[in-house]
């Protein structure tokens, strides 16, 4: 069984036992969280699709870790103007393990 859910403005497809890196969620390490913005649940040929969210659908997950992703380097450059600007960004993430899917 798999589910497509939304968190942090992005959509993820996951099955039970999968480990995902999602946008930062304010939860303690080891805590159990419920993600209720489920868009679709499927198992083989049987697929349920929400409009926009599935009624009674939820994905339960356990917070494994918090961290920061690799640095993304941004360079702004204007030729013949003696202008170059270096910037960088490291996005925060939460690593979760999917423990159950209800549809």
Protein backbone atom coordinates (compact mmCIF):
# COMPACT_ATOMS: atom_id res chain seq x y z
CA UNK A 1 0.00 0.00 0.00
CA UNK A 2 1.28 3.47 -0.86
CA UNK A 3 0.08 7.02 -0.35
CA UNK A 4 0.69 10.42 -1.90
CA UNK A 5 0.64 13.13 0.75
CA UNK A 6 1.51 16.80 1.02
CA UNK A 7 3.72 18.47 3.59
CA UNK A 8 5.79 21.62 3.45
CA UNK A 9 4.35 22.63 0.08
CA UNK A 10 5.63 19.48 -1.64
CA UNK A 11 4.06 16.12 -2.50
CA UNK A 12 5.62 12.78 -1.61
CA UNK A 13 4.83 9.17 -2.55
CA UNK A 14 5.63 6.69 0.20
CA UNK A 15 4.89 3.19 1.41
CA UNK A 16 5.12 1.77 4.92
CA UNK A 17 8.75 1.47 6.02
CA UNK A 18 10.08 4.18 3.67
CA UNK A 19 12.41 6.90 4.93
CA UNK A 20 11.97 10.41 3.52
CA UNK A 21 13.57 13.82 3.92
CA UNK A 22 10.80 16.43 4.10
CA UNK A 23 10.72 20.13 4.91
CA UNK A 24 11.39 20.90 8.59
CA UNK A 25 8.61 19.83 10.95
CA UNK A 26 8.55 21.12 14.53
CA UNK A 27 8.61 17.80 16.41
CA UNK A 28 10.99 16.13 18.80
CA UNK A 29 13.34 13.40 17.61
CA UNK A 30 11.58 10.04 18.08
CA UNK A 31 8.09 11.58 18.19
CA UNK A 32 5.17 10.20 16.18
CA UNK A 33 3.47 12.60 13.78
CA UNK A 34 0.28 12.35 11.70
CA UNK A 35 0.14 13.82 8.21
CA UNK A 36 -3.51 14.30 7.27
CA UNK A 37 -3.18 15.98 3.86
CA UNK A 38 -3.43 12.70 1.93
CA UNK A 39 -4.11 13.12 -1.79
CA UNK A 40 -4.20 9.49 -2.89
CA UNK A 41 -3.99 5.97 -1.47
CA UNK A 42 -3.42 2.94 -3.64
CA UNK A 43 -2.78 -0.78 -3.47
CA UNK A 44 -2.43 -2.63 -6.76
CA UNK A 45 -5.42 -1.81 -8.97
CA UNK A 46 -7.47 -0.27 -6.11
CA UNK A 47 -6.78 3.47 -6.00
CA UNK A 48 -8.64 6.10 -3.98
CA UNK A 49 -8.22 9.72 -5.04
CA UNK A 50 -9.26 12.70 -2.91
CA UNK A 51 -10.78 15.96 -4.07
CA UNK A 52 -8.44 17.56 -3.04
CA UNK A 53 -7.80 15.50 0.13
CA UNK A 54 -8.97 12.00 1.01
CA UNK A 55 -11.60 11.91 3.77
CA UNK A 56 -10.23 10.04 6.79
CA UNK A 57 -6.86 9.50 5.17
CA UNK A 58 -3.73 9.88 7.24
CA UNK A 59 -0.11 8.86 7.20
CA UNK A 60 1.67 8.20 10.49
CA UNK A 61 5.40 8.63 10.71
CA UNK A 62 8.22 8.68 13.24
CA UNK A 63 10.75 11.51 13.32
CA UNK A 64 14.20 9.99 12.82
CA UNK A 65 16.42 13.05 12.61
CA UNK A 66 16.69 16.76 11.90
CA UNK A 67 19.41 18.29 9.80
CA UNK A 68 20.50 20.61 7.03
CA UNK A 69 20.93 19.71 3.36
CA UNK A 70 24.05 20.32 1.28
CA UNK A 71 24.89 23.91 0.41
CA UNK A 72 23.40 25.35 -2.76
CA UNK A 73 25.73 27.97 -4.21
CA UNK A 74 24.27 31.04 -5.90
CA UNK A 75 26.42 33.34 -8.02
CA UNK A 76 25.11 36.57 -9.51
CA UNK A 77 27.36 38.05 -12.16
CA UNK A 78 27.08 41.11 -14.41
CA UNK A 79 29.66 41.27 -17.15
CA UNK A 80 31.75 44.41 -17.67
CA UNK A 81 30.30 46.00 -14.49
CA UNK A 82 32.76 44.66 -11.89
CA UNK A 83 29.89 42.99 -10.08
CA UNK A 84 29.87 39.44 -8.74
CA UNK A 85 27.92 38.29 -5.71
CA UNK A 86 28.38 34.91 -4.02
CA UNK A 87 25.64 33.51 -1.80
CA UNK A 88 24.83 30.13 -0.32
CA UNK A 89 21.87 28.42 1.31
CA UNK A 90 21.39 25.29 3.40
CA UNK A 91 17.80 24.13 3.78
CA UNK A 92 16.59 22.54 7.03
CA UNK A 93 14.96 19.12 6.76
CA UNK A 94 13.33 16.47 8.91
CA UNK A 95 13.95 12.80 8.17
CA UNK A 96 10.87 10.67 8.81
CA UNK A 97 10.09 6.96 8.65
CA UNK A 98 6.58 6.01 7.48
CA UNK A 99 5.00 3.64 10.00
CA UNK A 100 1.40 3.38 8.78
CA UNK A 101 -1.06 4.44 6.11
CA UNK A 102 -4.84 4.74 6.67
CA UNK A 103 -7.12 5.40 3.73
